Amino acid sequence: MDILSFIRFILLLSVLIFVHEGGHFLFAKLFGVAVEEFGFGIPPRVIGKKIKDTIYSLNLLPIGGFVRLKGEAGETLGFGGADSFAIQSKIKRVLIIAAGAFGNFALAWLVFSVLLVVGTPVSSGKVLVVEVSGGSPAQEAGILPGDLILSLGGQKAETAKALTDLTNQNLGEPTVVEIESLGELKSVTLVPRLDPPSGEGSLGVLVQTATEDRVVPWWRAPLEGFTET
């Protein structure tokens, strides 16, 4: 893992943890439980500001965060006060604890919903030709970079891997390939090579699974985002 990937991982982890702790914080406030500290990062504390009864702190290691509730250590009735976590009903304590997972779920739901509105790449069920090797069966058949391969040997080629598998089933045999070139459907015949030059493959093409943007209307995005979460 390179340094940039590591930084991205830490940032993502920090967001997930912070949102998780934010769920605990919000539900504790909702049920009247005192939050003694809501911190970003791992202590020791660098800076903190007390607003009402809660210290909002920035800590030395900027990874995730934490919530410290009054009475979470297990104070008994009569010592913690009405705003102590320890004396809340079982259902309230369960909800406060579970709120972290609710927070992560809500974040994932929001992210999926936004991505559906702006558009997310999905497989188009076709294979895109990226490069064509000179003198290869594909070039001799007239296949060009940018063409889309739809089927080979009468079977659909919906992914690059599927095309490779179908090609291997037709080595040395005249094979019909259906392509889409500049919006026009064509059928060409070629013979996949049994012993191609190194790095070229039997057809002599570099391909990838073609994608298209899936865009969902904003009013449908929350429901579909929920099903994707």
C-alpha atoms as a PDB file:
ATOM      1  CA  MET A   1       0.000   0.000   0.000  1.00  0.00           C
ATOM      2  CA  ASP A   2       1.492   3.370  -1.054  1.00  0.00           C
ATOM      3  CA  ILE A   3       1.384   6.469   1.134  1.00  0.00           C
ATOM      4  CA  LEU A   4      -1.517   8.045  -0.781  1.00  0.00           C
ATOM      5  CA  SER A   5      -3.641   4.909  -0.426  1.00  0.00           C
ATOM      6  CA  PHE A   6      -2.769   4.775   3.269  1.00  0.00           C
ATOM      7  CA  ILE A   7      -3.850   8.397   3.752  1.00  0.00           C
ATOM      8  CA  ARG A   8      -7.133   7.721   1.946  1.00  0.00           C
ATOM      9  CA  PHE A   9      -7.722   4.677   4.123  1.00  0.00           C
ATOM     10  CA  ILE A  10      -7.097   6.696   7.301  1.00  0.00           C
ATOM     11  CA  LEU A  11      -9.417   9.477   6.132  1.00  0.00           C
ATOM     12  CA  LEU A  12     -12.183   7.016   5.276  1.00  0.00           C
ATOM     13  CA  LEU A  13     -11.747   5.207   8.583  1.00  0.00           C
ATOM     14  CA  SER A  14     -11.835   8.523  10.447  1.00  0.00           C
ATOM     15  CA  VAL A  15     -15.078   9.556   8.758  1.00  0.00           C
ATOM     16  CA  LEU A  16     -16.716   6.201   9.515  1.00  0.00           C
ATOM     17  CA  ILE A  17     -15.668   6.280  13.163  1.00  0.00           C
ATOM     18  CA  PHE A  18     -16.619   9.942  13.591  1.00  0.00           C
ATOM     19  CA  VAL A  19     -20.082   9.350  12.117  1.00  0.00           C
ATOM     20  CA  HIS A  20     -20.429   6.253  14.305  1.00  0.00           C
ATOM     21  CA  GLU A  21     -19.627   8.257  17.431  1.00  0.00           C
ATOM     22  CA  GLY A  22     -21.881  11.045  16.194  1.00  0.00           C
ATOM     23  CA  GLY A  23     -24.775   8.600  16.287  1.00  0.00           C
ATOM     24  CA  HIS A  24     -24.089   7.872  19.962  1.00  0.00           C
ATOM     25  CA  PHE A  25     -23.842  11.611  20.628  1.00  0.00           C
ATOM     26  CA  LEU A  26     -27.148  12.521  18.967  1.00  0.00           C
ATOM     27  CA  PHE A  27     -29.157   9.767  20.638  1.00  0.00           C
ATOM     28  CA  ALA A  28     -27.625  10.533  24.023  1.00  0.00           C
ATOM     29  CA  LYS A  29     -28.696  14.162  23.628  1.00  0.00           C
ATOM     30  CA  LEU A  30     -32.125  13.039  22.425  1.00  0.00           C
ATOM     31  CA  PHE A  31     -32.685  11.017  25.602  1.00  0.00           C
ATOM     32  CA  GLY A  32     -31.283  13.651  27.929  1.00  0.00           C
ATOM     33  CA  VAL A  33     -28.037  11.854  28.741  1.00  0.00           C
ATOM     34  CA  ALA A  34     -25.140  14.182  29.515  1.00  0.00           C
ATOM     35  CA  VAL A  35     -22.273  13.978  27.033  1.00  0.00           C
ATOM     36  CA  GLU A  36     -19.121  14.894  28.930  1.00  0.00           C
ATOM     37  CA  GLU A  37     -16.892  14.975  25.851  1.00  0.00           C
ATOM     38  CA  PHE A  38     -17.212  14.618  22.103  1.00  0.00           C
ATOM     39  CA  GLY A  39     -13.746  14.318  20.658  1.00  0.00           C
ATOM     40  CA  PHE A  40     -12.208  14.123  17.212  1.00  0.00           C
ATOM     41  CA  GLY A  41      -9.100  11.955  17.113  1.00  0.00           C
ATOM     42  CA  ILE A  42      -7.350   9.912  19.768  1.00  0.00           C
ATOM     43  CA  PRO A  43      -6.109  11.615  22.989  1.00  0.00           C
ATOM     44  CA  PRO A  44      -4.086  13.281  24.357  1.00  0.00           C
ATOM     45  CA  ARG A  45      -6.183  16.378  23.884  1.00  0.00           C
ATOM     46  CA  VAL A  46      -4.706  19.242  21.881  1.00  0.00           C
ATOM     47  CA  ILE A  47      -7.519  21.726  22.347  1.00  0.00           C
ATOM     48  CA  GLY A  48     -11.001  21.646  23.784  1.00  0.00           C
ATOM     49  CA  LYS A  49     -13.918  24.002  24.305  1.00  0.00           C
ATOM     50  CA  LYS A  50     -16.765  23.435  26.721  1.00  0.00           C
ATOM     51  CA  ILE A  51     -20.174  24.381  25.413  1.00  0.00           C
ATOM     52  CA  LYS A  52     -22.891  23.943  28.023  1.00  0.00           C
ATOM     53  CA  ASP A  53     -22.080  20.572  29.605  1.00  0.00           C
ATOM     54  CA  THR A  54     -20.031  19.076  26.765  1.00  0.00           C
ATOM     55  CA  ILE A  55     -16.345  19.443  25.954  1.00  0.00           C
ATOM     56  CA  TYR A  56     -15.713  19.434  22.201  1.00  0.00           C
ATOM     57  CA  SER A  57     -12.102  18.427  21.718  1.00  0.00           C
ATOM     58  CA  LEU A  58      -9.465  18.021  19.033  1.00  0.00           C
ATOM     59  CA  ASN A  59      -6.955  15.311  19.891  1.00  0.00           C
ATOM     60  CA  LEU A  60      -3.401  14.520  18.883  1.00  0.00           C
ATOM     61  CA  LEU A  61      -3.958  11.525  16.578  1.00  0.00           C
ATOM     62  CA  PRO A  62      -6.512  12.534  13.906  1.00  0.00           C
ATOM     63  CA  ILE A  63      -8.094   9.102  13.572  1.00  0.00           C
ATOM     64  CA  GLY A  64     -11.799   8.714  14.267  1.00  0.00           C
ATOM     65  CA  GLY A  65     -13.309  10.106  17.429  1.00  0.00           C
ATOM     66  CA  PHE A  66     -15.040   9.210  20.665  1.00  0.00           C
ATOM     67  CA  VAL A  67     -17.963  10.101  22.927  1.00  0.00           C
ATOM     68  CA  ARG A  68     -17.732  10.049  26.716  1.00  0.00           C
ATOM     69  CA  LEU A  69     -21.126   9.794  28.384  1.00  0.00           C
ATOM     70  CA  LYS A  70     -21.902  10.589  31.975  1.00  0.00           C
ATOM     71  CA  GLY A  71     -22.394   7.335  33.842  1.00  0.00           C
ATOM     72  CA  GLU A  72     -21.131   5.023  31.102  1.00  0.00           C
ATOM     73  CA  ALA A  73     -18.720   3.498  33.625  1.00  0.00           C
ATOM     74  CA  GLY A  74     -21.726   2.104  35.484  1.00  0.00           C
ATOM     75  CA  GLU A  75     -22.900   4.539  38.147  1.00  0.00           C
ATOM     76  CA  THR A  76     -25.743   3.285  40.274  1.00  0.00           C
ATOM     77  CA  LEU A  77     -29.123   4.897  40.836  1.00  0.00           C
ATOM     78  CA  GLY A  78     -28.873   7.822  43.225  1.00  0.00           C
ATOM     79  CA  PHE A  79     -25.304   8.773  42.378  1.00  0.00           C
ATOM     80  CA  GLY A  80     -25.282   9.601  38.711  1.00  0.00           C
ATOM     81  CA  GLY A  81     -28.277  11.888  38.422  1.00  0.00           C
ATOM     82  CA  ALA A  82     -31.160  11.841  35.978  1.00  0.00           C
ATOM     83  CA  ASP A  83     -28.838  12.600  33.063  1.00  0.00           C
ATOM     84  CA  SER A  84     -26.615   9.574  33.700  1.00  0.00           C
ATOM     85  CA  PHE A  85     -26.407   6.859  31.072  1.00  0.00           C
ATOM     86  CA  ALA A  86     -26.320   4.220  33.801  1.00  0.00           C
ATOM     87  CA  ILE A  87     -29.828   4.906  35.099  1.00  0.00           C
ATOM     88  CA  GLN A  88     -31.591   5.111  31.752  1.00  0.00           C
ATOM     89  CA  SER A  89     -34.080   2.429  30.790  1.00  0.00           C
ATOM     90  CA  LYS A  90     -32.728  -0.618  29.022  1.00  0.00           C
ATOM     91  CA  ILE A  91     -34.345   0.354  25.724  1.00  0.00           C
ATOM     92  CA  LYS A  92     -32.770   3.830  25.820  1.00  0.00           C
ATOM     93  CA  ARG A  93     -29.334   2.404  26.561  1.00  0.00           C
ATOM     94  CA  VAL A  94     -29.684  -0.097  23.731  1.00  0.00           C
ATOM     95  CA  LEU A  95     -30.732   2.641  21.308  1.00  0.00           C
ATOM     96  CA  ILE A  96     -27.839   4.892  22.328  1.00  0.00           C
ATOM     97  CA  ILE A  97     -25.386   2.039  21.825  1.00  0.00           C
ATOM     98  CA  ALA A  98     -26.964   0.985  18.515  1.00  0.00           C
ATOM     99  CA  ALA A  99     -27.066   4.569  17.247  1.00  0.00           C
ATOM    100  CA  GLY A 100     -23.461   4.286  16.074  1.00  0.00           C
ATOM    101  CA  ALA A 101     -24.411   1.604  13.574  1.00  0.00           C
ATOM    102  CA  PHE A 102     -27.479   3.648  12.605  1.00  0.00           C
ATOM    103  CA  GLY A 103     -25.151   6.568  11.865  1.00  0.00           C
ATOM    104  CA  ASN A 104     -22.947   4.501   9.554  1.00  0.00           C
ATOM    105  CA  PHE A 105     -26.021   3.126   7.798  1.00  0.00           C
ATOM    106  CA  ALA A 106     -27.407   6.642   7.299  1.00  0.00           C
ATOM    107  CA  LEU A 107     -24.077   7.799   5.854  1.00  0.00           C
ATOM    108  CA  ALA A 108     -23.961   4.888   3.406  1.00  0.00           C
ATOM    109  CA  TRP A 109     -27.590   5.557   2.438  1.00  0.00           C
ATOM    110  CA  LEU A 110     -26.815   9.225   1.781  1.00  0.00           C
ATOM    111  CA  VAL A 111     -23.695   8.445  -0.260  1.00  0.00           C
ATOM    112  CA  PHE A 112     -25.473   5.855  -2.429  1.00  0.00           C
ATOM    113  CA  SER A 113     -28.434   8.206  -2.971  1.00  0.00           C
ATOM    114  CA  VAL A 114     -26.180  11.080  -4.082  1.00  0.00           C
ATOM    115  CA  LEU A 115     -24.164   8.814  -6.391  1.00  0.00           C
ATOM    116  CA  LEU A 116     -27.354   7.565  -8.028  1.00  0.00           C
ATOM    117  CA  VAL A 117     -28.424  11.142  -8.769  1.00  0.00           C
ATOM    118  CA  VAL A 118     -25.070  12.274 -10.230  1.00  0.00           C
ATOM    119  CA  GLY A 119     -24.594   8.966 -12.059  1.00  0.00           C
ATOM    120  CA  THR A 120     -22.686   5.787 -11.319  1.00  0.00           C
ATOM    121  CA  PRO A 121     -20.883   3.622 -13.897  1.00  0.00           C
ATOM    122  CA  VAL A 122     -22.480   0.217 -14.460  1.00  0.00           C
ATOM    123  CA  SER A 123     -21.742  -2.517 -16.974  1.00  0.00           C
ATOM    124  CA  SER A 124     -23.448  -1.946 -20.318  1.00  0.00           C
ATOM    125  CA  GLY A 125     -23.355  -5.645 -21.188  1.00  0.00           C
ATOM    126  CA  LYS A 126     -20.835  -4.990 -23.970  1.00  0.00           C
ATOM    127  CA  VAL A 127     -17.054  -5.162 -24.375  1.00  0.00           C
ATOM    128  CA  LEU A 128     -15.077  -2.113 -25.500  1.00  0.00           C
ATOM    129  CA  VAL A 129     -12.138  -2.552 -27.876  1.00  0.00           C
ATOM    130  CA  VAL A 130      -9.293  -0.357 -26.597  1.00  0.00           C
ATOM    131  CA  GLU A 131      -6.456  -1.409 -28.919  1.00  0.00           C
ATOM    132  CA  VAL A 132      -6.086  -3.627 -31.990  1.00  0.00           C
ATOM    133  CA  SER A 133      -2.748  -5.274 -32.834  1.00  0.00           C
ATOM    134  CA  GLY A 134      -1.439  -5.008 -36.379  1.00  0.00           C
ATOM    135  CA  GLY A 135      -1.841  -8.164 -38.448  1.00  0.00           C
ATOM    136  CA  SER A 136      -4.159  -9.735 -35.877  1.00  0.00           C
ATOM    137  CA  PRO A 137      -7.405 -11.569 -36.682  1.00  0.00           C
ATOM    138  CA  ALA A 138      -9.330  -8.609 -35.276  1.00  0.00           C
ATOM    139  CA  GLN A 139      -7.573  -6.109 -37.546  1.00  0.00           C
ATOM    140  CA  GLU A 140      -8.002  -8.305 -40.608  1.00  0.00           C
ATOM    141  CA  ALA A 141     -11.728  -8.562 -39.804  1.00  0.00           C
ATOM    142  CA  GLY A 142     -12.010  -4.772 -39.673  1.00  0.00           C
ATOM    143  CA  ILE A 143     -12.451  -4.351 -35.930  1.00  0.00           C
ATOM    144  CA  LEU A 144     -11.325  -0.896 -34.772  1.00  0.00           C
ATOM    145  CA  PRO A 145     -10.499   0.714 -31.426  1.00  0.00           C
ATOM    146  CA  GLY A 146     -13.730   2.093 -29.973  1.00  0.00           C
ATOM    147  CA  ASP A 147     -15.878  -0.699 -31.394  1.00  0.00           C
ATOM    148  CA  LEU A 148     -18.121  -2.642 -29.039  1.00  0.00           C
ATOM    149  CA  ILE A 149     -18.137  -6.441 -29.136  1.00  0.00           C
ATOM    150  CA  LEU A 150     -21.617  -7.805 -28.457  1.00  0.00           C
ATOM    151  CA  SER A 151     -21.206 -11.521 -29.022  1.00  0.00           C
ATOM    152  CA  LEU A 152     -18.768 -14.161 -30.215  1.00  0.00           C
ATOM    153  CA  GLY A 153     -19.770 -17.479 -31.712  1.00  0.00           C
ATOM    154  CA  GLY A 154     -23.440 -16.699 -31.151  1.00  0.00           C
ATOM    155  CA  GLN A 155     -23.037 -16.163 -27.405  1.00  0.00           C
ATOM    156  CA  LYS A 156     -23.245 -12.820 -25.641  1.00  0.00           C
ATOM    157  CA  ALA A 157     -19.978 -11.297 -24.461  1.00  0.00           C
ATOM    158  CA  GLU A 158     -21.139  -9.053 -21.608  1.00  0.00           C
ATOM    159  CA  THR A 159     -17.752  -8.675 -19.899  1.00  0.00           C
ATOM    160  CA  ALA A 160     -14.094  -8.769 -20.889  1.00  0.00           C
ATOM    161  CA  LYS A 161     -13.696 -12.072 -19.033  1.00  0.00           C
ATOM    162  CA  ALA A 162     -16.702 -13.565 -20.820  1.00  0.00           C
ATOM    163  CA  LEU A 163     -15.155 -12.586 -24.161  1.00  0.00           C
ATOM    164  CA  THR A 164     -11.885 -14.289 -23.209  1.00  0.00           C
ATOM    165  CA  ASP A 165     -13.721 -17.459 -22.194  1.00  0.00           C
ATOM    166  CA  LEU A 166     -15.721 -17.530 -25.427  1.00  0.00           C
ATOM    167  CA  THR A 167     -12.580 -16.924 -27.480  1.00  0.00           C
ATOM    168  CA  ASN A 168     -10.836 -19.862 -25.825  1.00  0.00           C
ATOM    169  CA  GLN A 169     -13.788 -22.070 -26.756  1.00  0.00           C
ATOM    170  CA  ASN A 170     -13.372 -21.215 -30.449  1.00  0.00           C
ATOM    171  CA  LEU A 171      -9.607 -21.340 -30.998  1.00  0.00           C
ATOM    172  CA  GLY A 172      -8.652 -22.174 -34.573  1.00  0.00           C
ATOM    173  CA  GLU A 173     -12.267 -22.105 -35.754  1.00  0.00           C
ATOM    174  CA  PRO A 174     -13.956 -19.552 -38.024  1.00  0.00           C
ATOM    175  CA  THR A 175     -16.076 -17.561 -35.592  1.00  0.00           C
ATOM    176  CA  VAL A 176     -18.724 -14.899 -36.105  1.00  0.00           C
ATOM    177  CA  VAL A 177     -18.281 -11.790 -33.968  1.00  0.00           C
ATOM    178  CA  GLU A 178     -21.098  -9.275 -33.670  1.00  0.00           C
ATOM    179  CA  ILE A 179     -19.865  -5.727 -33.141  1.00  0.00           C
ATOM    180  CA  GLU A 180     -21.243  -2.218 -32.860  1.00  0.00           C
ATOM    181  CA  SER A 181     -19.142   0.293 -34.788  1.00  0.00           C
ATOM    182  CA  LEU A 182     -20.100   3.985 -34.800  1.00  0.00           C
ATOM    183  CA  GLY A 183     -23.643   3.015 -33.855  1.00  0.00           C
ATOM    184  CA  GLU A 184     -23.971   0.450 -36.659  1.00  0.00           C
ATOM    185  CA  LEU A 185     -24.351  -3.278 -35.993  1.00  0.00           C
ATOM    186  CA  LYS A 186     -22.025  -5.530 -37.984  1.00  0.00           C
ATOM    187  CA  SER A 187     -21.074  -9.193 -38.103  1.00  0.00           C
ATOM    188  CA  VAL A 188     -17.525 -10.194 -38.988  1.00  0.00           C
ATOM    189  CA  THR A 189     -15.837 -13.574 -39.186  1.00  0.00           C
ATOM    190  CA  LEU A 190     -12.375 -14.298 -37.833  1.00  0.00           C
ATOM    191  CA  VAL A 191     -10.289 -17.213 -36.575  1.00  0.00           C
ATOM    192  CA  PRO A 192      -8.950 -16.900 -32.987  1.00  0.00           C
ATOM    193  CA  ARG A 193      -5.269 -17.847 -33.039  1.00  0.00           C
ATOM    194  CA  LEU A 194      -4.078 -21.012 -31.312  1.00  0.00           C
ATOM    195  CA  ASP A 195      -0.568 -19.632 -30.781  1.00  0.00           C
ATOM    196  CA  PRO A 196      -0.664 -15.813 -30.806  1.00  0.00           C
ATOM    197  CA  PRO A 197       2.416 -13.593 -30.405  1.00  0.00           C
ATOM    198  CA  SER A 198       3.349 -12.836 -26.827  1.00  0.00           C
ATOM    199  CA  GLY A 199       1.142 -10.175 -25.248  1.00  0.00           C
ATOM    200  CA  GLU A 200      -1.449 -10.064 -28.016  1.00  0.00           C
ATOM    201  CA  GLY A 201      -4.000 -12.743 -27.269  1.00  0.00           C
ATOM    202  CA  SER A 202      -5.925 -14.913 -29.683  1.00  0.00           C
ATOM    203  CA  LEU A 203      -7.967 -12.073 -31.184  1.00  0.00           C
ATOM    204  CA  GLY A 204      -5.242  -9.446 -31.011  1.00  0.00           C
ATOM    205  CA  VAL A 205      -7.289  -6.907 -29.076  1.00  0.00           C
ATOM    206  CA  LEU A 206      -7.008  -5.143 -25.745  1.00  0.00           C
ATOM    207  CA  VAL A 207     -10.491  -4.896 -24.286  1.00  0.00           C
ATOM    208  CA  GLN A 208     -12.367  -3.827 -21.189  1.00  0.00           C
ATOM    209  CA  THR A 209     -15.916  -4.212 -19.980  1.00  0.00           C
ATOM    210  CA  ALA A 210     -17.886  -1.253 -21.328  1.00  0.00           C
ATOM    211  CA  THR A 211     -19.749   0.909 -18.830  1.00  0.00           C
ATOM    212  CA  GLU A 212     -22.494   3.482 -18.946  1.00  0.00           C
ATOM    213  CA  ASP A 213     -23.704   5.967 -16.365  1.00  0.00           C
ATOM    214  CA  ARG A 214     -26.782   4.963 -14.442  1.00  0.00           C
ATOM    215  CA  VAL A 215     -28.658   8.101 -13.391  1.00  0.00           C
ATOM    216  CA  VAL A 216     -31.697   7.938 -11.118  1.00  0.00           C
ATOM    217  CA  PRO A 217     -34.206  10.819 -10.694  1.00  0.00           C
ATOM    218  CA  TRP A 218     -33.693  12.614  -7.370  1.00  0.00           C
ATOM    219  CA  TRP A 219     -37.128  11.607  -6.100  1.00  0.00           C
ATOM    220  CA  ARG A 220     -36.326   7.904  -6.591  1.00  0.00           C
ATOM    221  CA  ALA A 221     -32.750   8.050  -5.351  1.00  0.00           C
ATOM    222  CA  PRO A 222     -33.493   7.720  -1.590  1.00  0.00           C
ATOM    223  CA  LEU A 223     -35.496   4.518  -2.103  1.00  0.00           C
ATOM    224  CA  GLU A 224     -32.981   2.955  -4.483  1.00  0.00           C
ATOM    225  CA  GLY A 225     -30.116   4.174  -2.306  1.00  0.00           C
ATOM    226  CA  PHE A 226     -31.747   2.380   0.621  1.00  0.00           C
ATOM    227  CA  THR A 227     -31.929  -0.890  -1.327  1.00  0.00           C
ATOM    228  CA  GLU A 228     -28.265  -0.514  -2.363  1.00  0.00           C
ATOM    229  CA  THR A 229     -27.095   0.060   1.221  1.00  0.00           C
END
